[in-house]
Amino acid sequence: GEWHLIGSYDIYVVEEPKFVALGIPTEDVIIGKVTCLEPVEVKATYPAYVSKDFGRYSYSNDWASIDIRSMSENLYPGDTLTLKARVEAKSDVYFYNLTLNVYGVKELEGKYAQYPIKSLTILRDIRLASGVVRTEEFTFTIPGDALPGMLYAVVSAKFKYLDQTYLEPISLYDDFTLVYLKNKAYDELKVKYDSLKNDYDKLKVDYDSLRDKYDELQTNYDSLKASHDKLTADYNDLWAKYSSLNTSYTELKSNFDRLENDYELLKTDYNNLKTKYEISMKELETTKILMYSFIVTTVVFIATTIYLIMRKSKTS
């Protein structure tokens, strides 16, 4: 309420209500002495407890409590959002209004602009008796052209405590983050990315395994190549020796073929000579036989002649 004071007063901060002289800063317990030479307007404010969590707003004082929360999560533009509001009267209170305005961001003419998505009236011109609880649930569709990001809500309320008519109504105006709009294109790409990442990780494991095998095979290859190079060097050396020997062999074979040809010619001549020799030997044997026969005949003839001569001499 309002009072008009003249005189000197100590200003204290107390639990209910808390008096604050206009233009004087508040501090703990006592804020000082005020001397009023003319009427000064003094207003009363009331302690309240406010909690702002992601997707939830809570307000509470000794007269009433307000709780507004999002019942939806993981939303995309074009999805349906459900909100739940709970108002509890701790004393007899009168609500002039309790509204919730939801705001988002969209692109307009190449620029990002804030724009209202939904305006919800939770209470209007209603009296709530002490202990009464009002619960309201609201569902609406988020525009498809809303940009991914934060949706936030502005809570606006005005209510008064009916048991103390001299107290001013409480005006509430506060905002909180309502829900986070996800980027569908990004999430779809993220799913594909995760799938590709999993495939990549598997391929990476296979690659690492193959790489280890490759390194092992490379080591074996290097060893075999060294052996191959040595064998090639040995082969080239042996080939040079073989070529030299082959040249010598060719020359020797040529000489051998020539000698063999000469041998065949000589063999033919030898055979011819042998044939002639054998013929000559046969002729010689025949001649010898004839000579022996002639000699024997001659000897017999001479012996016979001598015998006859001697016999004839004896007879004469």
Foldseek 3Di string as FASTA:
>chain_A
DKDWDAAKDWQAQDQPWHKDFPPQDDDHGTRGMDHHHGTGIIATDHDKDWDFDAQWIWIDGQFKIKIKGWPDAAAAAFDKTKMKIKMAGQAWKWWQWKKKWKWAWADDPNDIDIDTFDIGTPDHGDIDHHGDMDMDMDMDHHHNRTDFFWMKMWIWTWMDHVVDVVHHIDTDIDMHTNYTHDDPVVVVVVVVVVVVVVVVVVVVVVVVVVVVVVVVVVVVVVVVVVVVVVVVVVVVVVVVVVVVVVVVVVVVVVVVVVVVVVVVVVVVVVVVVVVVVVVVVVVVVVVVVVVVVVVVVVVVVVVVVVVVVVVVVVVD
